[in-house]
C-alpha atoms as a PDB file:
ATOM      1  CA  UNK A   1      16.231  56.496  -2.856  1.00  0.00           C
ATOM      2  CA  UNK A   2      19.035  56.727  -0.350  1.00  0.00           C
ATOM      3  CA  UNK A   3      19.365  60.265   1.031  1.00  0.00           C
ATOM      4  CA  UNK A   4      23.172  60.038   1.278  1.00  0.00           C
ATOM      5  CA  UNK A   5      24.335  58.390  -1.957  1.00  0.00           C
ATOM      6  CA  UNK A   6      21.224  59.164  -4.086  1.00  0.00           C
ATOM      7  CA  UNK A   7      21.092  55.566  -5.360  1.00  0.00           C
ATOM      8  CA  UNK A   8      17.977  53.381  -5.451  1.00  0.00           C
ATOM      9  CA  UNK A   9      17.541  51.435  -2.189  1.00  0.00           C
ATOM     10  CA  UNK A  10      18.553  48.152  -3.866  1.00  0.00           C
ATOM     11  CA  UNK A  11      21.859  49.642  -5.077  1.00  0.00           C
ATOM     12  CA  UNK A  12      22.691  51.710  -1.987  1.00  0.00           C
ATOM     13  CA  UNK A  13      26.387  51.364  -1.121  1.00  0.00           C
ATOM     14  CA  UNK A  14      26.420  53.400   2.076  1.00  0.00           C
ATOM     15  CA  UNK A  15      23.621  51.246   3.565  1.00  0.00           C
ATOM     16  CA  UNK A  16      22.221  54.171   5.574  1.00  0.00           C
ATOM     17  CA  UNK A  17      19.085  54.531   3.468  1.00  0.00           C
ATOM     18  CA  UNK A  18      15.771  52.771   3.845  1.00  0.00           C
ATOM     19  CA  UNK A  19      17.277  49.411   2.886  1.00  0.00           C
ATOM     20  CA  UNK A  20      19.812  49.236   5.718  1.00  0.00           C
ATOM     21  CA  UNK A  21      21.114  50.715   8.926  1.00  0.00           C
ATOM     22  CA  UNK A  22      24.058  53.014   9.564  1.00  0.00           C
ATOM     23  CA  UNK A  23      27.403  52.217   7.986  1.00  0.00           C
ATOM     24  CA  UNK A  24      29.078  51.572  11.329  1.00  0.00           C
ATOM     25  CA  UNK A  25      26.714  48.706  12.213  1.00  0.00           C
ATOM     26  CA  UNK A  26      26.866  45.687   9.864  1.00  0.00           C
ATOM     27  CA  UNK A  27      24.230  43.819  11.897  1.00  0.00           C
ATOM     28  CA  UNK A  28      20.915  43.996  10.078  1.00  0.00           C
ATOM     29  CA  UNK A  29      19.109  40.907  11.366  1.00  0.00           C
ATOM     30  CA  UNK A  30      19.464  37.319  12.410  1.00  0.00           C
ATOM     31  CA  UNK A  31      21.898  35.416  10.201  1.00  0.00           C
ATOM     32  CA  UNK A  32      21.320  31.668   9.946  1.00  0.00           C
ATOM     33  CA  UNK A  33      24.081  29.140   9.290  1.00  0.00           C
ATOM     34  CA  UNK A  34      22.807  25.644   8.493  1.00  0.00           C
ATOM     35  CA  UNK A  35      24.181  22.374   7.237  1.00  0.00           C
ATOM     36  CA  UNK A  36      22.351  21.007   4.189  1.00  0.00           C
ATOM     37  CA  UNK A  37      22.591  17.987   1.874  1.00  0.00           C
ATOM     38  CA  UNK A  38      19.305  18.292  -0.026  1.00  0.00           C
ATOM     39  CA  UNK A  39      19.622  18.249  -3.807  1.00  0.00           C
ATOM     40  CA  UNK A  40      23.382  17.734  -3.677  1.00  0.00           C
ATOM     41  CA  UNK A  41      23.657  13.941  -4.064  1.00  0.00           C
ATOM     42  CA  UNK A  42      24.716  13.495  -0.430  1.00  0.00           C
ATOM     43  CA  UNK A  43      27.328  16.247  -0.428  1.00  0.00           C
ATOM     44  CA  UNK A  44      27.270  18.536   2.595  1.00  0.00           C
ATOM     45  CA  UNK A  45      27.275  22.330   2.306  1.00  0.00           C
ATOM     46  CA  UNK A  46      26.993  25.046   4.926  1.00  0.00           C
ATOM     47  CA  UNK A  47      24.359  27.628   3.952  1.00  0.00           C
ATOM     48  CA  UNK A  48      24.522  31.205   5.271  1.00  0.00           C
ATOM     49  CA  UNK A  49      21.187  33.007   4.914  1.00  0.00           C
ATOM     50  CA  UNK A  50      19.498  36.117   6.262  1.00  0.00           C
ATOM     51  CA  UNK A  51      22.232  38.544   5.238  1.00  0.00           C
ATOM     52  CA  UNK A  52      20.905  41.945   4.185  1.00  0.00           C
ATOM     53  CA  UNK A  53      23.793  42.803   1.866  1.00  0.00           C
ATOM     54  CA  UNK A  54      23.950  43.960  -1.734  1.00  0.00           C
ATOM     55  CA  UNK A  55      25.454  41.674  -4.392  1.00  0.00           C
ATOM     56  CA  UNK A  56      28.936  43.205  -4.158  1.00  0.00           C
ATOM     57  CA  UNK A  57      29.107  42.926  -0.349  1.00  0.00           C
ATOM     58  CA  UNK A  58      27.711  39.377  -0.492  1.00  0.00           C
ATOM     59  CA  UNK A  59      30.382  38.317  -2.997  1.00  0.00           C
ATOM     60  CA  UNK A  60      33.145  39.839  -0.846  1.00  0.00           C
ATOM     61  CA  UNK A  61      31.849  38.114   2.294  1.00  0.00           C
ATOM     62  CA  UNK A  62      31.597  34.807   0.416  1.00  0.00           C
ATOM     63  CA  UNK A  63      35.215  35.190  -0.709  1.00  0.00           C
ATOM     64  CA  UNK A  64      36.356  35.817   2.880  1.00  0.00           C
ATOM     65  CA  UNK A  65      34.354  32.839   4.193  1.00  0.00           C
ATOM     66  CA  UNK A  66      35.778  30.523   1.533  1.00  0.00           C
ATOM     67  CA  UNK A  67      39.306  31.597   2.418  1.00  0.00           C
ATOM     68  CA  UNK A  68      38.628  31.152   6.141  1.00  0.00           C
ATOM     69  CA  UNK A  69      37.306  27.611   5.618  1.00  0.00           C
ATOM     70  CA  UNK A  70      39.846  26.712   2.939  1.00  0.00           C
ATOM     71  CA  UNK A  71      37.190  25.422   0.570  1.00  0.00           C
ATOM     72  CA  UNK A  72      34.990  26.388  -2.355  1.00  0.00           C
ATOM     73  CA  UNK A  73      31.577  27.938  -2.366  1.00  0.00           C
ATOM     74  CA  UNK A  74      29.112  30.121  -4.217  1.00  0.00           C
ATOM     75  CA  UNK A  75      26.417  32.767  -3.843  1.00  0.00           C
ATOM     76  CA  UNK A  76      22.935  31.624  -4.909  1.00  0.00           C
ATOM     77  CA  UNK A  77      19.626  33.438  -4.405  1.00  0.00           C
ATOM     78  CA  UNK A  78      21.044  35.787  -1.770  1.00  0.00           C
ATOM     79  CA  UNK A  79      22.572  32.921   0.226  1.00  0.00           C
ATOM     80  CA  UNK A  80      26.185  31.863   0.580  1.00  0.00           C
ATOM     81  CA  UNK A  81      26.911  28.148   0.152  1.00  0.00           C
ATOM     82  CA  UNK A  82      30.252  26.873   1.470  1.00  0.00           C
ATOM     83  CA  UNK A  83      31.303  23.321   0.609  1.00  0.00           C
ATOM     84  CA  UNK A  84      31.571  21.006   3.617  1.00  0.00           C
ATOM     85  CA  UNK A  85      30.408  21.147   7.235  1.00  0.00           C
ATOM     86  CA  UNK A  86      31.878  24.423   8.528  1.00  0.00           C
ATOM     87  CA  UNK A  87      28.948  25.701  10.606  1.00  0.00           C
ATOM     88  CA  UNK A  88      30.946  26.440  13.793  1.00  0.00           C
ATOM     89  CA  UNK A  89      33.744  28.190  11.879  1.00  0.00           C
ATOM     90  CA  UNK A  90      31.271  30.310   9.907  1.00  0.00           C
ATOM     91  CA  UNK A  91      29.278  31.340  12.992  1.00  0.00           C
ATOM     92  CA  UNK A  92      32.467  32.359  14.802  1.00  0.00           C
ATOM     93  CA  UNK A  93      33.743  34.362  11.806  1.00  0.00           C
ATOM     94  CA  UNK A  94      30.391  36.112  11.235  1.00  0.00           C
ATOM     95  CA  UNK A  95      30.104  37.069  14.918  1.00  0.00           C
ATOM     96  CA  UNK A  96      33.591  38.607  14.803  1.00  0.00           C
ATOM     97  CA  UNK A  97      32.413  40.623  11.785  1.00  0.00           C
ATOM     98  CA  UNK A  98      29.495  41.975  13.855  1.00  0.00           C
ATOM     99  CA  UNK A  99      26.647  39.857  12.501  1.00  0.00           C
ATOM    100  CA  UNK A 100      24.073  38.201  14.783  1.00  0.00           C
ATOM    101  CA  UNK A 101      24.811  34.649  13.610  1.00  0.00           C
ATOM    102  CA  UNK A 102      23.332  31.409  14.883  1.00  0.00           C
END
């Protein structure tokens, strides 16, 4: 249970409970951005993993990343997949948002 919003840790929106750090600091760990083609019939996607965000925050970040890259994408298994090779653009955008991206 989060002491501030009284929600279970998985559903905490203020992110100050046991599941996350203070609201003012979006950095929660090392975020990986990788290029992948496995299981996609040769198509390249950029995969963003290691984000400690709830489903709502993850969907909003995915939407912003898709708009920044001008392409499609999805959220699968807690990872964001952006169509095409946009690793450098994604790392730059995530760092500006305060994430420790590599």
